[in-house]
Amino acid sequence: MRFIVGAWADMRYTVLLSSFVLALPLPILLGIANFTKVNWDAAALIWFALYAIAHVLLYPLARELYFCLTEPIRRGVGQLYIGGLLLVVTFILKIWIYLIISVLAIPLGLIGFAYLGLRARYSW
């Protein structure tokens, strides 16, 4: 049980509420796009609901995994001044990373669940 709770409780770099808020746009946009185009039957609706729930529950773990793995980079370049065109490029890259994490939230969330759970269990 400590493994399961530890994966969710051991979030050092992100806030759970903000991760849930950031997880919502992709399922909402996919739902709007698909519900307006196609008549959905019950099975497709159930599969979409399962996807949306898995996405929202696993996105915080994927986001935490990303911040855990890139923390040394942030620590190393945290003192640099970024301005002008480089600032625009930085914001574009941050949006790109958000989209990649959002699209790959379920597999990255499963990896993050295992990593954070093991880290909590063995106190890495």
Foldseek 3Di string as FASTA:
>chain_A
DLLQVQLVVVQDPDDLVVQLVLLPPPLVVVCVVVVVPDDDDPVVVVVSVVVSVLSSVLLVLLVSVVCVVCVVVCVVCVPDDADDPRVVVVVVVVVVVSVVCNVCRNVSSVVSSNVSSVCSVVVD
